[in-house]
C-alpha atoms as a PDB file:
ATOM      1  CA  UNK A   1      10.541  -1.716 -26.013  1.00  0.00           C
ATOM      2  CA  UNK A   2      13.330  -2.595 -23.596  1.00  0.00           C
ATOM      3  CA  UNK A   3      12.333   0.250 -21.306  1.00  0.00           C
ATOM      4  CA  UNK A   4       8.723  -0.978 -21.321  1.00  0.00           C
ATOM      5  CA  UNK A   5       9.908  -4.513 -20.499  1.00  0.00           C
ATOM      6  CA  UNK A   6      11.978  -3.147 -17.623  1.00  0.00           C
ATOM      7  CA  UNK A   7       9.017  -1.294 -16.166  1.00  0.00           C
ATOM      8  CA  UNK A   8       6.954  -4.473 -16.471  1.00  0.00           C
ATOM      9  CA  UNK A   9       9.550  -6.349 -14.425  1.00  0.00           C
ATOM     10  CA  UNK A  10       9.605  -3.670 -11.760  1.00  0.00           C
ATOM     11  CA  UNK A  11       5.807  -3.438 -11.577  1.00  0.00           C
ATOM     12  CA  UNK A  12       5.648  -7.196 -11.003  1.00  0.00           C
ATOM     13  CA  UNK A  13       8.217  -6.848  -8.231  1.00  0.00           C
ATOM     14  CA  UNK A  14       6.266  -3.977  -6.648  1.00  0.00           C
ATOM     15  CA  UNK A  15       3.042  -5.998  -6.611  1.00  0.00           C
ATOM     16  CA  UNK A  16       4.857  -8.916  -4.974  1.00  0.00           C
ATOM     17  CA  UNK A  17       6.458  -6.672  -2.352  1.00  0.00           C
ATOM     18  CA  UNK A  18       3.154  -4.862  -1.743  1.00  0.00           C
ATOM     19  CA  UNK A  19       1.603  -8.177  -0.668  1.00  0.00           C
ATOM     20  CA  UNK A  20       4.177  -8.296   2.141  1.00  0.00           C
ATOM     21  CA  UNK A  21       2.731  -5.077   3.663  1.00  0.00           C
ATOM     22  CA  UNK A  22       6.167  -3.449   3.788  1.00  0.00           C
ATOM     23  CA  UNK A  23       6.445   0.236   4.699  1.00  0.00           C
ATOM     24  CA  UNK A  24       7.069   2.409   1.617  1.00  0.00           C
ATOM     25  CA  UNK A  25      10.730   3.100   2.453  1.00  0.00           C
ATOM     26  CA  UNK A  26      11.484  -0.601   2.989  1.00  0.00           C
ATOM     27  CA  UNK A  27       9.704  -1.540  -0.220  1.00  0.00           C
ATOM     28  CA  UNK A  28      11.843   0.919  -2.184  1.00  0.00           C
ATOM     29  CA  UNK A  29      14.975  -0.500  -0.535  1.00  0.00           C
ATOM     30  CA  UNK A  30      14.062  -4.021  -1.713  1.00  0.00           C
ATOM     31  CA  UNK A  31      13.249  -2.684  -5.169  1.00  0.00           C
ATOM     32  CA  UNK A  32      16.598  -0.896  -5.244  1.00  0.00           C
ATOM     33  CA  UNK A  33      18.382  -4.155  -4.351  1.00  0.00           C
ATOM     34  CA  UNK A  34      16.543  -5.902  -7.185  1.00  0.00           C
ATOM     35  CA  UNK A  35      17.672  -3.341  -9.758  1.00  0.00           C
ATOM     36  CA  UNK A  36      21.247  -3.552  -8.470  1.00  0.00           C
ATOM     37  CA  UNK A  37      21.096  -7.351  -8.766  1.00  0.00           C
ATOM     38  CA  UNK A  38      19.776  -7.164 -12.338  1.00  0.00           C
ATOM     39  CA  UNK A  39      22.497  -4.700 -13.266  1.00  0.00           C
ATOM     40  CA  UNK A  40      25.246  -6.834 -11.735  1.00  0.00           C
ATOM     41  CA  UNK A  41      24.005  -9.871 -13.658  1.00  0.00           C
ATOM     42  CA  UNK A  42      24.416  -7.924 -16.876  1.00  0.00           C
ATOM     43  CA  UNK A  43      28.193  -8.149 -16.658  1.00  0.00           C
ATOM     44  CA  UNK A  44      28.194 -11.903 -16.055  1.00  0.00           C
ATOM     45  CA  UNK A  45      25.591 -13.109 -18.586  1.00  0.00           C
ATOM     46  CA  UNK A  46      26.549 -14.349 -22.027  1.00  0.00           C
ATOM     47  CA  UNK A  47      25.762 -12.331 -25.149  1.00  0.00           C
ATOM     48  CA  UNK A  48      22.824 -14.678 -25.824  1.00  0.00           C
ATOM     49  CA  UNK A  49      21.073 -12.841 -23.007  1.00  0.00           C
ATOM     50  CA  UNK A  50      21.485  -9.458 -24.692  1.00  0.00           C
ATOM     51  CA  UNK A  51      17.811  -8.574 -24.533  1.00  0.00           C
ATOM     52  CA  UNK A  52      17.666  -9.373 -20.813  1.00  0.00           C
ATOM     53  CA  UNK A  53      20.771  -7.264 -20.266  1.00  0.00           C
ATOM     54  CA  UNK A  54      19.222  -4.320 -22.109  1.00  0.00           C
ATOM     55  CA  UNK A  55      16.189  -4.582 -19.854  1.00  0.00           C
ATOM     56  CA  UNK A  56      18.406  -4.522 -16.775  1.00  0.00           C
ATOM     57  CA  UNK A  57      20.217  -1.445 -18.102  1.00  0.00           C
ATOM     58  CA  UNK A  58      16.917   0.363 -18.636  1.00  0.00           C
ATOM     59  CA  UNK A  59      15.845  -0.443 -15.057  1.00  0.00           C
ATOM     60  CA  UNK A  60      18.910   1.361 -13.700  1.00  0.00           C
ATOM     61  CA  UNK A  61      17.936   4.900 -12.782  1.00  0.00           C
ATOM     62  CA  UNK A  62      14.175   4.290 -12.889  1.00  0.00           C
ATOM     63  CA  UNK A  63      12.155   6.386 -10.452  1.00  0.00           C
ATOM     64  CA  UNK A  64       9.268   5.391  -8.230  1.00  0.00           C
ATOM     65  CA  UNK A  65       6.747   6.991  -5.894  1.00  0.00           C
ATOM     66  CA  UNK A  66       4.977   4.562  -3.549  1.00  0.00           C
ATOM     67  CA  UNK A  67       2.087   5.554  -1.321  1.00  0.00           C
ATOM     68  CA  UNK A  68      -0.086   3.723   1.236  1.00  0.00           C
ATOM     69  CA  UNK A  69      -3.331   5.305   2.456  1.00  0.00           C
ATOM     70  CA  UNK A  70      -4.941   4.346   5.778  1.00  0.00           C
ATOM     71  CA  UNK A  71      -8.692   5.099   5.607  1.00  0.00           C
ATOM     72  CA  UNK A  72      -9.032   4.806   9.398  1.00  0.00           C
ATOM     73  CA  UNK A  73      -6.488   7.475  10.358  1.00  0.00           C
ATOM     74  CA  UNK A  74      -6.840   9.307   7.012  1.00  0.00           C
ATOM     75  CA  UNK A  75      -3.070   9.457   6.768  1.00  0.00           C
ATOM     76  CA  UNK A  76      -0.949   8.612   3.732  1.00  0.00           C
ATOM     77  CA  UNK A  77       2.614   7.313   3.988  1.00  0.00           C
ATOM     78  CA  UNK A  78       4.816   8.020   0.962  1.00  0.00           C
ATOM     79  CA  UNK A  79       8.375   7.396  -0.122  1.00  0.00           C
ATOM     80  CA  UNK A  80      10.042   8.223  -3.415  1.00  0.00           C
ATOM     81  CA  UNK A  81      13.109   7.172  -5.337  1.00  0.00           C
ATOM     82  CA  UNK A  82      14.105  10.160  -7.465  1.00  0.00           C
ATOM     83  CA  UNK A  83      10.477  10.713  -8.489  1.00  0.00           C
ATOM     84  CA  UNK A  84       8.662  14.086  -8.620  1.00  0.00           C
ATOM     85  CA  UNK A  85       6.700  14.823  -5.430  1.00  0.00           C
ATOM     86  CA  UNK A  86       2.931  14.337  -5.463  1.00  0.00           C
ATOM     87  CA  UNK A  87       0.438  17.158  -5.595  1.00  0.00           C
ATOM     88  CA  UNK A  88      -2.162  17.476  -2.842  1.00  0.00           C
ATOM     89  CA  UNK A  89      -5.361  19.356  -3.688  1.00  0.00           C
ATOM     90  CA  UNK A  90      -7.286  20.476  -0.614  1.00  0.00           C
ATOM     91  CA  UNK A  91     -11.057  20.576  -0.358  1.00  0.00           C
ATOM     92  CA  UNK A  92     -10.853  24.364  -0.839  1.00  0.00           C
ATOM     93  CA  UNK A  93      -8.938  23.972  -4.115  1.00  0.00           C
ATOM     94  CA  UNK A  94      -5.480  24.916  -2.824  1.00  0.00           C
ATOM     95  CA  UNK A  95      -2.642  22.878  -4.309  1.00  0.00           C
ATOM     96  CA  UNK A  96       0.546  21.953  -2.460  1.00  0.00           C
ATOM     97  CA  UNK A  97       3.607  19.925  -3.389  1.00  0.00           C
ATOM     98  CA  UNK A  98       4.828  18.354  -0.099  1.00  0.00           C
ATOM     99  CA  UNK A  99       8.567  18.327   0.422  1.00  0.00           C
ATOM    100  CA  UNK A 100       9.138  14.579   0.682  1.00  0.00           C
ATOM    101  CA  UNK A 101      12.639  13.115   1.122  1.00  0.00           C
ATOM    102  CA  UNK A 102      13.813  12.676  -2.455  1.00  0.00           C
ATOM    103  CA  UNK A 103      15.802   9.446  -2.304  1.00  0.00           C
ATOM    104  CA  UNK A 104      18.073   8.329  -5.158  1.00  0.00           C
ATOM    105  CA  UNK A 105      16.780   6.710  -8.358  1.00  0.00           C
ATOM    106  CA  UNK A 106      16.610   2.924  -8.286  1.00  0.00           C
ATOM    107  CA  UNK A 107      19.810   0.958  -8.715  1.00  0.00           C
ATOM    108  CA  UNK A 108      22.278   3.501  -7.322  1.00  0.00           C
ATOM    109  CA  UNK A 109      22.230   2.179  -3.767  1.00  0.00           C
ATOM    110  CA  UNK A 110      24.249   4.913  -2.083  1.00  0.00           C
ATOM    111  CA  UNK A 111      21.561   6.615   0.041  1.00  0.00           C
ATOM    112  CA  UNK A 112      18.750   5.215   2.202  1.00  0.00           C
ATOM    113  CA  UNK A 113      15.101   5.870   1.441  1.00  0.00           C
ATOM    114  CA  UNK A 114      12.908   7.786   3.856  1.00  0.00           C
ATOM    115  CA  UNK A 115       9.144   7.955   4.168  1.00  0.00           C
ATOM    116  CA  UNK A 116       6.867  10.760   5.294  1.00  0.00           C
ATOM    117  CA  UNK A 117       3.284  10.886   6.542  1.00  0.00           C
ATOM    118  CA  UNK A 118       0.667  13.302   5.253  1.00  0.00           C
ATOM    119  CA  UNK A 119      -2.907  13.814   6.371  1.00  0.00           C
ATOM    120  CA  UNK A 120      -5.427  13.492   3.541  1.00  0.00           C
ATOM    121  CA  UNK A 121      -8.810  14.651   4.852  1.00  0.00           C
ATOM    122  CA  UNK A 122     -12.007  13.760   3.027  1.00  0.00           C
ATOM    123  CA  UNK A 123     -12.501  15.952  -0.028  1.00  0.00           C
ATOM    124  CA  UNK A 124      -8.812  16.186  -0.868  1.00  0.00           C
ATOM    125  CA  UNK A 125      -7.169  14.873  -4.023  1.00  0.00           C
ATOM    126  CA  UNK A 126      -3.838  13.092  -4.502  1.00  0.00           C
ATOM    127  CA  UNK A 127      -2.091  13.512  -7.865  1.00  0.00           C
ATOM    128  CA  UNK A 128       0.828  11.313  -8.923  1.00  0.00           C
ATOM    129  CA  UNK A 129       2.615  11.956 -12.217  1.00  0.00           C
ATOM    130  CA  UNK A 130       5.815  11.368 -14.175  1.00  0.00           C
ATOM    131  CA  UNK A 131       8.356  14.058 -15.030  1.00  0.00           C
ATOM    132  CA  UNK A 132       7.382  13.762 -18.701  1.00  0.00           C
ATOM    133  CA  UNK A 133       4.123  15.509 -17.815  1.00  0.00           C
ATOM    134  CA  UNK A 134       5.717  18.664 -16.408  1.00  0.00           C
ATOM    135  CA  UNK A 135       8.982  18.864 -18.372  1.00  0.00           C
ATOM    136  CA  UNK A 136       9.254  20.005 -21.974  1.00  0.00           C
ATOM    137  CA  UNK A 137      11.875  21.543 -24.238  1.00  0.00           C
ATOM    138  CA  UNK A 138      10.119  24.926 -24.276  1.00  0.00           C
ATOM    139  CA  UNK A 139       9.622  25.218 -20.484  1.00  0.00           C
ATOM    140  CA  UNK A 140      11.433  24.337 -17.268  1.00  0.00           C
ATOM    141  CA  UNK A 141      10.129  22.236 -14.400  1.00  0.00           C
ATOM    142  CA  UNK A 142       8.908  25.188 -12.299  1.00  0.00           C
ATOM    143  CA  UNK A 143       6.673  26.410 -15.110  1.00  0.00           C
ATOM    144  CA  UNK A 144       5.327  22.889 -15.540  1.00  0.00           C
ATOM    145  CA  UNK A 145       4.545  22.577 -11.825  1.00  0.00           C
ATOM    146  CA  UNK A 146       2.770  25.946 -11.879  1.00  0.00           C
ATOM    147  CA  UNK A 147       0.598  24.891 -14.812  1.00  0.00           C
ATOM    148  CA  UNK A 148      -0.116  21.583 -13.111  1.00  0.00           C
ATOM    149  CA  UNK A 149      -1.225  23.353  -9.923  1.00  0.00           C
ATOM    150  CA  UNK A 150      -3.458  25.731 -11.859  1.00  0.00           C
ATOM    151  CA  UNK A 151      -5.086  22.863 -13.765  1.00  0.00           C
ATOM    152  CA  UNK A 152      -5.667  20.800 -10.621  1.00  0.00           C
ATOM    153  CA  UNK A 153      -7.149  23.799  -8.781  1.00  0.00           C
ATOM    154  CA  UNK A 154      -9.789  24.169 -11.479  1.00  0.00           C
ATOM    155  CA  UNK A 155     -13.053  22.601 -10.298  1.00  0.00           C
ATOM    156  CA  UNK A 156     -14.257  19.584 -12.249  1.00  0.00           C
ATOM    157  CA  UNK A 157     -17.235  17.254 -11.725  1.00  0.00           C
ATOM    158  CA  UNK A 158     -15.247  14.020 -12.143  1.00  0.00           C
ATOM    159  CA  UNK A 159     -11.662  12.811 -11.856  1.00  0.00           C
ATOM    160  CA  UNK A 160     -11.656  12.196 -15.606  1.00  0.00           C
ATOM    161  CA  UNK A 161     -12.479  15.866 -16.163  1.00  0.00           C
ATOM    162  CA  UNK A 162      -9.654  16.882 -13.806  1.00  0.00           C
ATOM    163  CA  UNK A 163      -7.281  14.700 -15.796  1.00  0.00           C
ATOM    164  CA  UNK A 164      -8.451  16.331 -19.015  1.00  0.00           C
ATOM    165  CA  UNK A 165      -7.807  19.788 -17.530  1.00  0.00           C
ATOM    166  CA  UNK A 166      -4.216  18.774 -16.812  1.00  0.00           C
ATOM    167  CA  UNK A 167      -3.727  17.251 -20.268  1.00  0.00           C
ATOM    168  CA  UNK A 168      -5.059  20.377 -21.971  1.00  0.00           C
ATOM    169  CA  UNK A 169      -2.788  22.619 -19.898  1.00  0.00           C
ATOM    170  CA  UNK A 170       0.442  20.653 -20.165  1.00  0.00           C
ATOM    171  CA  UNK A 171       0.384  18.433 -23.243  1.00  0.00           C
ATOM    172  CA  UNK A 172      -0.189  21.002 -25.948  1.00  0.00           C
ATOM    173  CA  UNK A 173       2.076  18.975 -28.253  1.00  0.00           C
ATOM    174  CA  UNK A 174       3.231  15.349 -28.360  1.00  0.00           C
ATOM    175  CA  UNK A 175       5.484  14.775 -25.301  1.00  0.00           C
ATOM    176  CA  UNK A 176       9.131  13.877 -25.807  1.00  0.00           C
ATOM    177  CA  UNK A 177       9.043  11.605 -22.733  1.00  0.00           C
ATOM    178  CA  UNK A 178       6.438   9.325 -21.205  1.00  0.00           C
ATOM    179  CA  UNK A 179       3.687  11.314 -19.502  1.00  0.00           C
ATOM    180  CA  UNK A 180       1.478   9.621 -16.913  1.00  0.00           C
ATOM    181  CA  UNK A 181      -1.045  11.045 -14.453  1.00  0.00           C
ATOM    182  CA  UNK A 182      -2.861   9.218 -11.663  1.00  0.00           C
ATOM    183  CA  UNK A 183      -5.522  10.935  -9.553  1.00  0.00           C
ATOM    184  CA  UNK A 184      -6.972   9.427  -6.371  1.00  0.00           C
ATOM    185  CA  UNK A 185      -9.656  10.837  -4.091  1.00  0.00           C
ATOM    186  CA  UNK A 186      -9.296   9.201  -0.666  1.00  0.00           C
ATOM    187  CA  UNK A 187     -12.358   8.364   1.404  1.00  0.00           C
ATOM    188  CA  UNK A 188     -11.932   7.794   5.119  1.00  0.00           C
ATOM    189  CA  UNK A 189     -14.035   5.335   7.073  1.00  0.00           C
ATOM    190  CA  UNK A 190     -16.872   6.547   9.285  1.00  0.00           C
ATOM    191  CA  UNK A 191     -16.611   5.953  13.022  1.00  0.00           C
ATOM    192  CA  UNK A 192     -19.354   3.323  12.930  1.00  0.00           C
ATOM    193  CA  UNK A 193     -17.351   1.250  10.433  1.00  0.00           C
ATOM    194  CA  UNK A 194     -14.534   0.584  12.900  1.00  0.00           C
ATOM    195  CA  UNK A 195     -14.593  -1.187  16.283  1.00  0.00           C
ATOM    196  CA  UNK A 196     -11.489  -1.411  18.464  1.00  0.00           C
ATOM    197  CA  UNK A 197     -10.860  -3.013  21.874  1.00  0.00           C
ATOM    198  CA  UNK A 198      -7.809  -3.128  24.142  1.00  0.00           C
ATOM    199  CA  UNK A 199      -7.284  -6.602  25.605  1.00  0.00           C
ATOM    200  CA  UNK A 200      -5.240  -7.807  28.583  1.00  0.00           C
ATOM    201  CA  UNK A 201      -2.637 -10.529  28.113  1.00  0.00           C
ATOM    202  CA  UNK A 202      -4.827 -13.175  29.723  1.00  0.00           C
ATOM    203  CA  UNK A 203      -5.990 -16.392  27.986  1.00  0.00           C
ATOM    204  CA  UNK A 204      -9.368 -16.026  29.698  1.00  0.00           C
ATOM    205  CA  UNK A 205     -10.055 -12.888  27.625  1.00  0.00           C
ATOM    206  CA  UNK A 206     -10.353 -14.899  24.387  1.00  0.00           C
ATOM    207  CA  UNK A 207     -13.992 -15.779  25.094  1.00  0.00           C
ATOM    208  CA  UNK A 208     -14.764 -12.120  25.807  1.00  0.00           C
ATOM    209  CA  UNK A 209     -13.077 -11.132  22.529  1.00  0.00           C
ATOM    210  CA  UNK A 210     -15.360 -13.538  20.656  1.00  0.00           C
ATOM    211  CA  UNK A 211     -18.405 -12.046  22.363  1.00  0.00           C
ATOM    212  CA  UNK A 212     -17.317  -8.495  21.490  1.00  0.00           C
ATOM    213  CA  UNK A 213     -16.855  -9.452  17.850  1.00  0.00           C
ATOM    214  CA  UNK A 214     -20.198 -11.282  17.726  1.00  0.00           C
ATOM    215  CA  UNK A 215     -22.113  -8.302  19.107  1.00  0.00           C
ATOM    216  CA  UNK A 216     -20.478  -5.951  16.627  1.00  0.00           C
ATOM    217  CA  UNK A 217     -21.326  -8.271  13.722  1.00  0.00           C
ATOM    218  CA  UNK A 218     -24.943  -8.187  14.874  1.00  0.00           C
ATOM    219  CA  UNK A 219     -24.845  -4.372  14.844  1.00  0.00           C
ATOM    220  CA  UNK A 220     -23.534  -4.527  11.279  1.00  0.00           C
ATOM    221  CA  UNK A 221     -26.092  -7.156  10.176  1.00  0.00           C
ATOM    222  CA  UNK A 222     -23.288  -9.593   9.410  1.00  0.00           C
ATOM    223  CA  UNK A 223     -24.539 -12.578  11.378  1.00  0.00           C
ATOM    224  CA  UNK A 224     -23.642 -14.868   8.458  1.00  0.00           C
ATOM    225  CA  UNK A 225     -19.966 -14.272   9.270  1.00  0.00           C
ATOM    226  CA  UNK A 226     -20.335 -15.000  12.981  1.00  0.00           C
ATOM    227  CA  UNK A 227     -19.006 -18.574  12.958  1.00  0.00           C
ATOM    228  CA  UNK A 228     -15.918 -17.915  10.843  1.00  0.00           C
ATOM    229  CA  UNK A 229     -15.158 -14.633  12.615  1.00  0.00           C
ATOM    230  CA  UNK A 230     -15.309 -16.300  16.031  1.00  0.00           C
ATOM    231  CA  UNK A 231     -12.753 -18.877  14.886  1.00  0.00           C
ATOM    232  CA  UNK A 232     -10.494 -16.210  13.400  1.00  0.00           C
ATOM    233  CA  UNK A 233     -10.709 -13.977  16.480  1.00  0.00           C
ATOM    234  CA  UNK A 234      -9.986 -16.949  18.769  1.00  0.00           C
ATOM    235  CA  UNK A 235      -6.878 -17.900  16.824  1.00  0.00           C
ATOM    236  CA  UNK A 236      -5.478 -14.390  16.359  1.00  0.00           C
ATOM    237  CA  UNK A 237      -6.076 -13.273  19.950  1.00  0.00           C
ATOM    238  CA  UNK A 238      -4.694 -16.544  21.335  1.00  0.00           C
ATOM    239  CA  UNK A 239      -1.549 -16.168  19.232  1.00  0.00           C
ATOM    240  CA  UNK A 240      -1.126 -12.545  20.350  1.00  0.00           C
ATOM    241  CA  UNK A 241      -1.368 -13.581  24.001  1.00  0.00           C
ATOM    242  CA  UNK A 242       0.786 -16.686  23.690  1.00  0.00           C
ATOM    243  CA  UNK A 243       3.552 -15.430  21.414  1.00  0.00           C
ATOM    244  CA  UNK A 244       3.274 -11.621  21.585  1.00  0.00           C
ATOM    245  CA  UNK A 245       3.345  -9.064  24.346  1.00  0.00           C
ATOM    246  CA  UNK A 246       1.262  -6.142  25.543  1.00  0.00           C
ATOM    247  CA  UNK A 247      -0.333  -3.939  24.407  1.00  0.00           C
ATOM    248  CA  UNK A 248      -2.811  -6.220  22.638  1.00  0.00           C
ATOM    249  CA  UNK A 249      -5.631  -4.833  20.558  1.00  0.00           C
ATOM    250  CA  UNK A 250      -8.468  -6.293  18.495  1.00  0.00           C
ATOM    251  CA  UNK A 251     -10.007  -4.286  15.657  1.00  0.00           C
ATOM    252  CA  UNK A 252     -12.834  -4.981  13.214  1.00  0.00           C
ATOM    253  CA  UNK A 253     -13.314  -2.901  10.053  1.00  0.00           C
ATOM    254  CA  UNK A 254     -16.381  -3.093   7.847  1.00  0.00           C
ATOM    255  CA  UNK A 255     -15.852  -1.811   4.330  1.00  0.00           C
ATOM    256  CA  UNK A 256     -16.122  -3.779   1.086  1.00  0.00           C
ATOM    257  CA  UNK A 257     -15.143  -6.772   3.202  1.00  0.00           C
ATOM    258  CA  UNK A 258     -14.793  -7.572   6.886  1.00  0.00           C
ATOM    259  CA  UNK A 259     -11.262  -7.033   8.170  1.00  0.00           C
ATOM    260  CA  UNK A 260     -10.170  -8.476  11.509  1.00  0.00           C
ATOM    261  CA  UNK A 261      -6.882  -7.243  12.993  1.00  0.00           C
ATOM    262  CA  UNK A 262      -4.926  -8.066  16.124  1.00  0.00           C
ATOM    263  CA  UNK A 263      -2.056  -5.879  17.253  1.00  0.00           C
ATOM    264  CA  UNK A 264       0.614  -6.779  19.790  1.00  0.00           C
ATOM    265  CA  UNK A 265       3.914  -5.277  20.850  1.00  0.00           C
ATOM    266  CA  UNK A 266       6.102  -8.095  19.515  1.00  0.00           C
ATOM    267  CA  UNK A 267       7.811  -8.163  16.114  1.00  0.00           C
ATOM    268  CA  UNK A 268       7.878 -11.969  15.975  1.00  0.00           C
ATOM    269  CA  UNK A 269       6.388 -13.062  12.680  1.00  0.00           C
ATOM    270  CA  UNK A 270       3.853 -15.925  12.512  1.00  0.00           C
ATOM    271  CA  UNK A 271       4.563 -18.759  10.106  1.00  0.00           C
ATOM    272  CA  UNK A 272       2.012 -20.842   8.276  1.00  0.00           C
ATOM    273  CA  UNK A 273       2.885 -24.522   8.488  1.00  0.00           C
ATOM    274  CA  UNK A 274       1.091 -27.756   7.703  1.00  0.00           C
ATOM    275  CA  UNK A 275       0.792 -29.812  10.858  1.00  0.00           C
ATOM    276  CA  UNK A 276       1.308 -33.558  10.692  1.00  0.00           C
ATOM    277  CA  UNK A 277      -1.474 -35.904  11.712  1.00  0.00           C
ATOM    278  CA  UNK A 278       0.309 -36.659  14.992  1.00  0.00           C
ATOM    279  CA  UNK A 279       0.802 -32.997  15.934  1.00  0.00           C
ATOM    280  CA  UNK A 280      -1.432 -31.590  18.654  1.00  0.00           C
ATOM    281  CA  UNK A 281      -1.040 -27.998  17.478  1.00  0.00           C
ATOM    282  CA  UNK A 282       0.161 -25.893  14.581  1.00  0.00           C
ATOM    283  CA  UNK A 283      -3.090 -25.776  12.607  1.00  0.00           C
ATOM    284  CA  UNK A 284      -4.304 -22.338  13.712  1.00  0.00           C
ATOM    285  CA  UNK A 285      -2.959 -20.160  10.917  1.00  0.00           C
ATOM    286  CA  UNK A 286      -3.709 -22.859   8.374  1.00  0.00           C
ATOM    287  CA  UNK A 287      -7.337 -22.713   9.525  1.00  0.00           C
ATOM    288  CA  UNK A 288      -7.320 -18.913   9.343  1.00  0.00           C
ATOM    289  CA  UNK A 289      -5.942 -19.045   5.794  1.00  0.00           C
ATOM    290  CA  UNK A 290      -8.789 -21.376   4.778  1.00  0.00           C
ATOM    291  CA  UNK A 291     -11.507 -19.234   6.330  1.00  0.00           C
ATOM    292  CA  UNK A 292     -10.304 -15.820   5.158  1.00  0.00           C
ATOM    293  CA  UNK A 293     -10.054 -14.523   1.614  1.00  0.00           C
ATOM    294  CA  UNK A 294      -6.667 -12.988   2.393  1.00  0.00           C
ATOM    295  CA  UNK A 295      -4.458 -12.604   5.439  1.00  0.00           C
ATOM    296  CA  UNK A 296      -1.072 -11.120   6.235  1.00  0.00           C
ATOM    297  CA  UNK A 297       1.238  -9.414   8.684  1.00  0.00           C
ATOM    298  CA  UNK A 298       2.010  -5.703   8.812  1.00  0.00           C
ATOM    299  CA  UNK A 299       4.793  -4.351  11.011  1.00  0.00           C
ATOM    300  CA  UNK A 300       4.617  -1.046  12.856  1.00  0.00           C
ATOM    301  CA  UNK A 301       7.186   0.937  14.815  1.00  0.00           C
ATOM    302  CA  UNK A 302       5.886  -0.590  18.062  1.00  0.00           C
ATOM    303  CA  UNK A 303       4.911  -4.124  17.057  1.00  0.00           C
ATOM    304  CA  UNK A 304       2.932  -5.971  14.400  1.00  0.00           C
ATOM    305  CA  UNK A 305      -0.592  -6.403  13.094  1.00  0.00           C
ATOM    306  CA  UNK A 306      -1.970  -9.716  11.844  1.00  0.00           C
ATOM    307  CA  UNK A 307      -5.003  -9.142   9.655  1.00  0.00           C
ATOM    308  CA  UNK A 308      -7.573 -11.188   7.776  1.00  0.00           C
ATOM    309  CA  UNK A 309     -10.170 -10.193   5.203  1.00  0.00           C
ATOM    310  CA  UNK A 310     -13.483 -11.967   4.656  1.00  0.00           C
ATOM    311  CA  UNK A 311     -15.940 -11.396   1.828  1.00  0.00           C
ATOM    312  CA  UNK A 312     -19.344  -9.926   2.626  1.00  0.00           C
ATOM    313  CA  UNK A 313     -22.260 -11.521   0.790  1.00  0.00           C
ATOM    314  CA  UNK A 314     -23.740  -9.299  -1.891  1.00  0.00           C
ATOM    315  CA  UNK A 315     -20.690  -7.015  -2.143  1.00  0.00           C
ATOM    316  CA  UNK A 316     -17.941  -7.085  -4.717  1.00  0.00           C
ATOM    317  CA  UNK A 317     -14.410  -7.952  -3.486  1.00  0.00           C
ATOM    318  CA  UNK A 318     -12.420  -4.951  -2.360  1.00  0.00           C
ATOM    319  CA  UNK A 319      -9.894  -3.552  -4.796  1.00  0.00           C
ATOM    320  CA  UNK A 320      -6.224  -4.098  -4.030  1.00  0.00           C
ATOM    321  CA  UNK A 321      -4.414  -0.780  -4.631  1.00  0.00           C
ATOM    322  CA  UNK A 322      -1.669  -1.137  -7.207  1.00  0.00           C
ATOM    323  CA  UNK A 323       1.019   1.564  -7.132  1.00  0.00           C
ATOM    324  CA  UNK A 324       2.064   3.171 -10.384  1.00  0.00           C
ATOM    325  CA  UNK A 325       5.740   3.011 -11.277  1.00  0.00           C
ATOM    326  CA  UNK A 326       7.529   5.202 -13.760  1.00  0.00           C
END
């Protein structure tokens, strides 16, 4: 029960950190700091907090594999903290276990975490699992990985059937440790779902950026979003020109929702503030936050991306990917 409570705490932390759009290695570093903090508190709390202390002890040494998939580039960025590597099933049925930097389990804090990028073309399959699935008293890890690869290579009409193939091959008896399996089939975006423009650092280009966005919305039959998108594009492009630096880029993505992104070469983070009635400025991001369903900032190696997401009438809201933690 304490172990389950610990994993619940860490899953909540992961979801909170995921909303910050942190790279996988940075997210694991923050998660590692959290486990260290919980463990250090154990020695200072009174005995009345015994259950909380037990939960902190169970969090020490937990493992995690965190992955972020970009459907535009079809690349997946992964980082792991002492967790087994994922399995990648190609469209031809070949199975590979990429050699990702291992990283220490959470709470040890003596080695940095590293991330790696993998290309996941359409038709491939990503399998994430816990060590309880491949380890057993009667077999070693290598045998378990071989059986896992053979089960994943077997063709199946649905992901549920693929999962059942793995269960039948590996869990022939009740497992002695927790056994979890998560399969994901990535789907990249078609070229006509993405529009991207390079913009000069000139305030006069803001009107042109609005026109570009408006024409693309017409191509996508999304005229109902024209007014709000023009306001969002105006604010994001203006901020990129005023507070960022070149290169500046505007990108629209049509999927379950409409995503508007601006990229610039600065790492300065925008801050949402509530302007006073006497202020002449400072309401831009507040307006964006009211118009968009969600918005945020994502940092890259060469700058930052500010993004917004709007709902499209008649479509269900897009799913927010939630990483599994073991």
